[in-house]
Protein backbone atom coordinates (compact mmCIF):
# COMPACT_ATOMS: atom_id res chain seq x y z
CA UNK A 1 0.00 0.00 0.00
CA UNK A 2 1.43 3.40 -0.94
CA UNK A 3 1.71 6.40 1.37
CA UNK A 4 -1.42 8.06 0.05
CA UNK A 5 -3.78 5.10 0.27
CA UNK A 6 -2.37 4.05 3.64
CA UNK A 7 -2.81 7.44 5.30
CA UNK A 8 -6.17 8.13 3.68
CA UNK A 9 -7.49 4.75 4.79
CA UNK A 10 -6.09 5.13 8.28
CA UNK A 11 -7.52 8.64 8.68
CA UNK A 12 -10.91 7.55 7.38
CA UNK A 13 -11.08 4.62 9.79
CA UNK A 14 -9.98 6.78 12.70
CA UNK A 15 -12.99 9.02 12.00
CA UNK A 16 -15.48 6.37 10.97
CA UNK A 17 -14.93 3.81 13.70
CA UNK A 18 -15.49 4.18 17.43
CA UNK A 19 -12.15 3.90 19.19
CA UNK A 20 -13.25 0.66 20.81
CA UNK A 21 -13.42 -0.84 17.32
CA UNK A 22 -10.18 -1.83 15.68
CA UNK A 23 -8.51 -3.55 12.77
CA UNK A 24 -9.15 -7.19 13.59
CA UNK A 25 -5.92 -9.16 13.56
CA UNK A 26 -3.91 -10.77 16.37
CA UNK A 27 -6.37 -10.68 19.30
CA UNK A 28 -3.57 -11.07 21.86
CA UNK A 29 -2.14 -7.57 21.35
CA UNK A 30 -4.10 -4.32 21.09
CA UNK A 31 -2.08 -1.36 19.83
CA UNK A 32 -3.56 2.14 20.28
CA UNK A 33 -1.89 4.11 17.51
CA UNK A 34 -1.97 7.02 15.09
CA UNK A 35 -4.07 6.42 11.99
CA UNK A 36 -1.89 4.92 9.26
CA UNK A 37 0.67 3.13 11.43
CA UNK A 38 -0.92 -0.28 10.99
CA UNK A 39 1.83 -1.01 8.46
CA UNK A 40 3.44 -4.41 7.87
CA UNK A 41 6.70 -2.74 6.78
CA UNK A 42 7.23 -1.60 10.38
CA UNK A 43 6.63 -5.01 11.93
CA UNK A 44 8.40 -7.58 9.80
CA UNK A 45 9.72 -9.72 12.65
CA UNK A 46 6.36 -9.61 14.49
CA UNK A 47 4.51 -10.88 11.43
CA UNK A 48 7.17 -13.51 10.79
CA UNK A 49 6.72 -14.81 14.34
CA UNK A 50 2.95 -14.48 14.76
CA UNK A 51 1.65 -14.56 11.19
CA UNK A 52 -0.34 -11.33 11.34
CA UNK A 53 -0.37 -7.74 12.53
CA UNK A 54 -1.57 -6.89 16.04
CA UNK A 55 -5.08 -5.56 16.49
CA UNK A 56 -5.10 -1.77 16.07
CA UNK A 57 -7.34 0.91 17.49
CA UNK A 58 -6.70 4.25 15.82
CA UNK A 59 -6.68 7.91 16.80
CA UNK A 60 -5.78 11.19 15.13
CA UNK A 61 -4.64 13.39 18.02
CA UNK A 62 -2.45 12.95 21.11
CA UNK A 63 -4.88 14.70 23.45
CA UNK A 64 -7.78 12.60 22.14
CA UNK A 65 -5.79 9.42 22.74
CA UNK A 66 -4.83 10.35 26.30
CA UNK A 67 -8.40 11.24 27.23
CA UNK A 68 -9.63 7.92 25.86
CA UNK A 69 -7.10 5.89 27.87
CA UNK A 70 -7.71 8.00 30.98
CA UNK A 71 -11.44 7.27 30.57
CA UNK A 72 -10.85 3.54 30.69
CA UNK A 73 -10.14 2.44 27.12
CA UNK A 74 -8.05 -0.75 27.27
CA UNK A 75 -5.05 -1.44 25.06
CA UNK A 76 -1.63 -2.95 25.59
CA UNK A 77 0.63 -0.26 24.14
CA UNK A 78 0.12 3.29 22.88
CA UNK A 79 2.17 5.63 20.69
CA UNK A 80 2.26 9.12 22.25
CA UNK A 81 4.70 11.80 21.25
CA UNK A 82 7.24 12.79 23.88
CA UNK A 83 5.45 15.78 25.37
CA UNK A 84 2.51 13.58 26.42
CA UNK A 85 4.41 10.96 28.41
CA UNK A 86 4.34 12.89 31.68
CA UNK A 87 0.53 12.98 31.50
CA UNK A 88 0.38 9.19 31.20
CA UNK A 89 2.84 8.80 34.09
CA UNK A 90 1.11 11.32 36.34
CA UNK A 91 -2.24 9.63 35.72
CA UNK A 92 -0.80 6.21 36.65
CA UNK A 93 -1.69 4.72 33.26
CA UNK A 94 1.66 3.19 32.32
CA UNK A 95 4.38 0.97 33.75
CA UNK A 96 8.10 0.71 32.99
CA UNK A 97 9.47 -1.41 30.17
CA UNK A 98 11.94 -4.21 30.92
CA UNK A 99 14.71 -3.09 28.60
CA UNK A 100 16.54 -6.40 29.02
CA UNK A 101 13.82 -7.76 26.74
CA UNK A 102 14.35 -5.10 24.05
CA UNK A 103 17.17 -6.28 21.82
CA UNK A 104 18.04 -2.95 20.15
CA UNK A 105 17.46 -0.70 23.15
CA UNK A 106 21.16 0.19 23.18
CA UNK A 107 20.88 1.42 19.59
CA UNK A 108 18.39 4.19 20.49
CA UNK A 109 20.16 7.53 20.11
CA UNK A 110 20.87 8.69 23.71
CA UNK A 111 19.39 12.17 23.12
CA UNK A 112 15.92 10.64 22.98
CA UNK A 113 16.14 9.33 26.55
CA UNK A 114 17.70 12.31 28.32
CA UNK A 115 14.55 13.33 30.20
CA UNK A 116 13.89 11.88 33.66
CA UNK A 117 10.27 11.57 32.52
CA UNK A 118 11.37 8.81 30.15
CA UNK A 119 14.12 7.14 32.18
CA UNK A 120 14.80 7.39 35.91
CA UNK A 121 15.78 5.26 38.89
CA UNK A 122 12.39 3.53 38.77
CA UNK A 123 12.82 2.33 35.19
CA UNK A 124 12.40 3.17 31.50
CA UNK A 125 8.91 4.48 30.91
CA UNK A 126 9.10 5.26 27.22
CA UNK A 127 10.65 3.70 24.14
CA UNK A 128 11.26 6.41 21.49
CA UNK A 129 10.88 4.95 18.00
CA UNK A 130 10.38 7.66 15.36
CA UNK A 131 11.15 11.32 14.76
CA UNK A 132 10.96 14.02 12.12
CA UNK A 133 10.31 17.75 11.74
CA UNK A 134 7.58 20.36 11.58
CA UNK A 135 8.45 23.07 9.07
CA UNK A 136 7.16 25.09 6.10
CA UNK A 137 5.58 23.28 3.16
CA UNK A 138 5.04 25.39 0.07
CA UNK A 139 3.88 25.09 -3.52
CA UNK A 140 7.08 25.61 -5.49
CA UNK A 141 5.13 26.63 -8.60
CA UNK A 142 3.61 29.67 -6.90
CA UNK A 143 5.79 30.46 -3.88
CA UNK A 144 9.47 31.40 -4.00
CA UNK A 145 12.22 30.24 -1.66
CA UNK A 146 12.68 33.86 -0.58
CA UNK A 147 9.05 34.05 0.52
CA UNK A 148 9.49 31.07 2.85
CA UNK A 149 12.86 32.16 4.23
CA UNK A 150 11.02 33.24 7.40
CA UNK A 151 8.06 31.80 9.29
CA UNK A 152 6.55 35.27 9.00
CA UNK A 153 5.31 34.04 5.62
CA UNK A 154 2.23 33.03 7.63
CA UNK A 155 1.57 36.73 8.31
CA UNK A 156 2.11 37.77 4.69
CA UNK A 157 -1.11 39.29 3.28
CA UNK A 158 -0.19 37.89 -0.14
CA UNK A 159 -1.13 34.43 1.15
CA UNK A 160 -4.26 35.39 3.10
CA UNK A 161 -6.77 32.59 2.73
CA UNK A 162 -4.11 30.29 1.20
CA UNK A 163 -2.46 29.16 4.45
CA UNK A 164 -3.05 26.05 6.57
CA UNK A 165 -1.76 25.49 10.10
CA UNK A 166 -1.99 22.32 12.22
CA UNK A 167 -4.95 21.70 14.49
CA UNK A 168 -2.46 20.47 17.06
CA UNK A 169 -1.42 22.21 20.27
CA UNK A 170 2.24 21.23 20.19
CA UNK A 171 2.89 22.00 16.54
CA UNK A 172 1.01 25.29 16.52
CA UNK A 173 2.87 26.54 19.60
CA UNK A 174 6.23 25.41 18.24
CA UNK A 175 5.56 27.75 15.31
CA UNK A 176 4.37 30.64 17.47
CA UNK A 177 7.33 30.40 19.80
CA UNK A 178 9.93 30.12 17.05
CA UNK A 179 8.32 33.12 15.36
CA UNK A 180 8.72 35.15 18.55
CA UNK A 181 12.30 34.14 19.27
CA UNK A 182 11.89 31.15 21.60
CA UNK A 183 13.71 27.91 20.82
CA UNK A 184 13.34 26.21 24.24
CA UNK A 185 9.80 25.88 25.55
CA UNK A 186 10.58 24.05 28.78
CA UNK A 187 10.46 27.17 31.00
CA UNK A 188 8.23 29.69 29.28
CA UNK A 189 7.75 33.09 30.87
CA UNK A 190 4.41 34.88 30.88
CA UNK A 191 5.82 37.39 28.42
CA UNK A 192 6.88 34.63 26.01
CA UNK A 193 3.49 32.93 26.28
CA UNK A 194 1.63 36.16 25.55
CA UNK A 195 3.92 37.01 22.61
CA UNK A 196 3.29 33.60 21.06
CA UNK A 197 -0.46 33.92 21.54
CA UNK A 198 -0.43 37.39 19.96
CA UNK A 199 1.47 36.04 16.94
CA UNK A 200 -1.08 33.25 16.46
CA UNK A 201 -3.92 35.76 16.63
CA UNK A 202 -2.20 37.82 13.95
CA UNK A 203 -1.81 34.73 11.73
CA UNK A 204 -5.34 33.42 12.30
CA UNK A 205 -7.14 35.61 9.69
CA UNK A 206 -4.80 34.26 6.98
CA UNK A 207 -5.68 30.63 7.74
CA UNK A 208 -8.15 28.92 5.41
CA UNK A 209 -8.07 25.66 7.37
CA UNK A 210 -6.44 24.08 10.40
CA UNK A 211 -5.47 20.63 9.11
CA UNK A 212 -6.11 17.60 11.27
CA UNK A 213 -4.16 14.91 9.41
CA UNK A 214 -1.53 14.83 6.64
CA UNK A 215 -3.89 13.46 4.00
CA UNK A 216 -6.25 16.40 4.56
CA UNK A 217 -3.44 18.90 4.08
CA UNK A 218 -2.11 17.12 1.00
CA UNK A 219 -5.55 17.38 -0.61
CA UNK A 220 -5.80 21.08 0.23
CA UNK A 221 -2.41 21.79 -1.31
CA UNK A 222 -2.93 19.52 -4.32
CA UNK A 223 -6.23 21.26 -5.06
CA UNK A 224 -4.62 24.70 -4.90
CA UNK A 225 -6.59 25.99 -1.89
CA UNK A 226 -3.41 26.11 0.20
CA UNK A 227 -0.03 27.38 -0.92
CA UNK A 228 1.87 27.52 2.40
CA UNK A 229 1.53 25.31 5.48
CA UNK A 230 3.26 24.33 8.71
CA UNK A 231 3.45 20.56 8.64
CA UNK A 232 5.20 17.24 9.19
CA UNK A 233 7.33 15.21 6.80
CA UNK A 234 4.55 12.80 5.86
CA UNK A 235 2.46 15.52 4.21
CA UNK A 236 5.45 16.27 2.00
CA UNK A 237 5.92 12.59 1.20
CA UNK A 238 2.25 12.26 0.24
CA UNK A 239 2.38 15.20 -2.16
CA UNK A 240 5.66 14.22 -3.74
CA UNK A 241 4.42 10.70 -4.33
CA UNK A 242 1.57 12.19 -6.35
CA UNK A 243 3.93 14.44 -8.29
CA UNK A 244 2.84 17.77 -6.80
CA UNK A 245 5.38 20.63 -6.74
CA UNK A 246 6.10 20.96 -3.04
CA UNK A 247 9.10 22.17 -1.08
CA UNK A 248 9.91 21.69 2.59
CA UNK A 249 11.72 24.64 4.16
CA UNK A 250 13.37 23.25 7.28
CA UNK A 251 15.88 26.08 7.59
CA UNK A 252 13.80 29.23 7.86
CA UNK A 253 15.50 32.16 9.58
CA UNK A 254 13.80 31.39 12.89
CA UNK A 255 14.31 27.63 12.62
CA UNK A 256 12.07 24.57 12.63
CA UNK A 257 10.56 22.18 15.18
CA UNK A 258 11.62 18.61 15.78
CA UNK A 259 9.58 15.99 17.57
CA UNK A 260 9.71 12.32 18.42
CA UNK A 261 7.20 9.69 19.34
CA UNK A 262 7.39 6.24 20.87
CA UNK A 263 5.56 3.57 22.82
CA UNK A 264 4.34 3.31 26.39
CA UNK A 265 3.43 0.07 28.15
CA UNK A 266 -0.13 0.52 29.38
CA UNK A 267 -1.10 -0.91 32.76
CA UNK A 268 -3.57 -3.78 32.88
CA UNK A 269 -3.48 -4.33 29.14
CA UNK A 270 -5.88 -7.03 27.97
CA UNK A 271 -3.34 -8.86 25.79
CA UNK A 272 -0.02 -10.63 25.91
CA UNK A 273 2.95 -8.90 27.53
CA UNK A 274 5.27 -11.18 25.56
CA UNK A 275 3.73 -9.94 22.32
CA UNK A 276 4.10 -6.33 23.46
CA UNK A 277 7.86 -6.94 23.58
CA UNK A 278 7.79 -8.70 20.20
CA UNK A 279 6.02 -5.61 18.86
CA UNK A 280 8.55 -3.10 20.19
CA UNK A 281 11.44 -5.29 19.05
CA UNK A 282 9.98 -5.34 15.55
CA UNK A 283 9.68 -1.55 15.54
CA UNK A 284 13.33 -1.16 16.56
CA UNK A 285 14.60 -3.82 14.19
CA UNK A 286 17.13 -2.44 11.69
CA UNK A 287 14.92 -3.53 8.79
CA UNK A 288 12.01 -1.34 9.94
CA UNK A 289 13.90 1.95 9.53
CA UNK A 290 13.65 1.89 5.74
CA UNK A 291 9.92 1.11 5.89
CA UNK A 292 9.40 4.01 8.26
CA UNK A 293 11.26 6.44 6.02
CA UNK A 294 9.73 5.22 2.75
CA UNK A 295 6.20 4.93 4.14
CA UNK A 296 6.02 8.03 6.32
CA UNK A 297 9.04 10.23 5.63
CA UNK A 298 10.13 9.70 9.25
CA UNK A 299 13.43 8.64 10.77
CA UNK A 300 14.07 5.79 13.20
CA UNK A 301 15.62 6.38 16.61
CA UNK A 302 17.82 3.34 15.91
CA UNK A 303 21.21 4.91 15.19
CA UNK A 304 22.70 1.86 13.51
CA UNK A 305 19.73 1.44 11.19
CA UNK A 306 19.81 5.10 10.13
CA UNK A 307 23.57 4.96 9.49
CA UNK A 308 22.97 2.16 6.99
CA UNK A 309 20.65 4.29 4.83
CA UNK A 310 22.51 6.21 2.09
CA UNK A 311 22.87 9.95 2.72
CA UNK A 312 21.12 10.84 -0.54
CA UNK A 313 18.02 8.93 0.56
CA UNK A 314 17.96 10.77 3.90
CA UNK A 315 18.21 14.10 2.06
CA UNK A 316 15.44 13.14 -0.37
CA UNK A 317 13.17 12.25 2.57
CA UNK A 318 14.03 15.47 4.46
CA UNK A 319 15.31 13.59 7.50
CA UNK A 320 18.99 14.42 7.02
CA UNK A 321 20.63 16.51 9.78
CA UNK A 322 20.20 20.26 9.37
CA UNK A 323 22.17 23.22 10.67
CA UNK A 324 19.52 25.51 12.07
CA UNK A 325 17.70 26.49 15.24
CA UNK A 326 15.50 23.61 16.37
CA UNK A 327 12.73 23.79 18.92
CA UNK A 328 12.56 20.30 20.39
CA UNK A 329 9.02 19.30 21.31
CA UNK A 330 10.09 17.67 24.56
CA UNK A 331 7.98 17.40 27.74
CA UNK A 332 6.75 20.62 29.29
CA UNK A 333 4.85 21.40 32.47
CA UNK A 334 1.37 19.89 32.15
CA UNK A 335 -0.31 23.05 33.42
CA UNK A 336 1.45 25.11 30.76
CA UNK A 337 0.51 22.66 28.04
CA UNK A 338 -3.13 22.71 29.18
CA UNK A 339 -3.00 26.48 29.04
CA UNK A 340 -1.59 26.34 25.50
CA UNK A 341 -4.45 24.06 24.48
CA UNK A 342 -7.07 26.37 25.97
CA UNK A 343 -5.55 29.48 24.38
CA UNK A 344 -5.36 27.83 20.97
CA UNK A 345 -9.04 26.87 21.16
CA UNK A 346 -9.90 30.51 21.88
CA UNK A 347 -7.79 31.71 18.94
CA UNK A 348 -9.44 29.27 16.53
CA UNK A 349 -12.83 30.51 17.71
CA UNK A 350 -11.82 34.09 16.95
CA UNK A 351 -11.17 35.29 20.49
């Protein structure tokens, strides 16, 4: 299945099905995951051992997923991005992984485990698996490189009504903070928060749509409604696969955002703990890195696997290292993140 059909199908099922419904497969492991990640190219060794994919329940937003689990939804593992892990820990919803059972744990790039939220004296609470960037997508037929040299392109009246921003708290605030000179969001001041909110309010009238998933954005850009967007790598991969003229400006004057996601071990999961470890081992297997990059435009946290991929392929997928300011979407104070969410909802509503 190609990128487009996979993400469109996953997004459609995430909307159409109740979250208690799932892709029926291996009944002994329930994976609560982003729409589109039910991909055999990420789980070769799991399928080889068990003959089928796990059962998947799908979601489209980190906050939605957390609320569902906190409300009692039962799964064995879930795939939050890093800034959400503290919420799962604080709510008592997860338990540590036994890393002695994870064969490639020592291949995970150390920078992904630096936070005490992920790894402390009580254990390893999070297994980072995938990362990429949030940056400026633009239609290269209508927008010049000079026009996207700064994130202030989103304030440019030339593109009023032709801009799309993410309907996602973390990504939207990474943009606002970079735009206002902040590259570390772990200890925001009141002044920095208010400056970011003011910038978002200034950008809001230019926005034709806040995209909810990559396939939605790719359709908006392919149809010409949107010329400039703040987005992830997979939107770019979708559009390039269909032959649309799209660029990905990861080195704007103010910088770009970088994020990573991974898996948590949910307490009282209904399935097999052994299969949960088979699942995470498959994800971190060297062979899965290429499937992740080709299928999603994302990079693996497995250093050895990434080193084996030719540099020109990394560049083509926009996951090669870049020399620019990066705002890392790492964990922040939960009260601040809740405040960001509330403020963003007000801005979208026109307040």
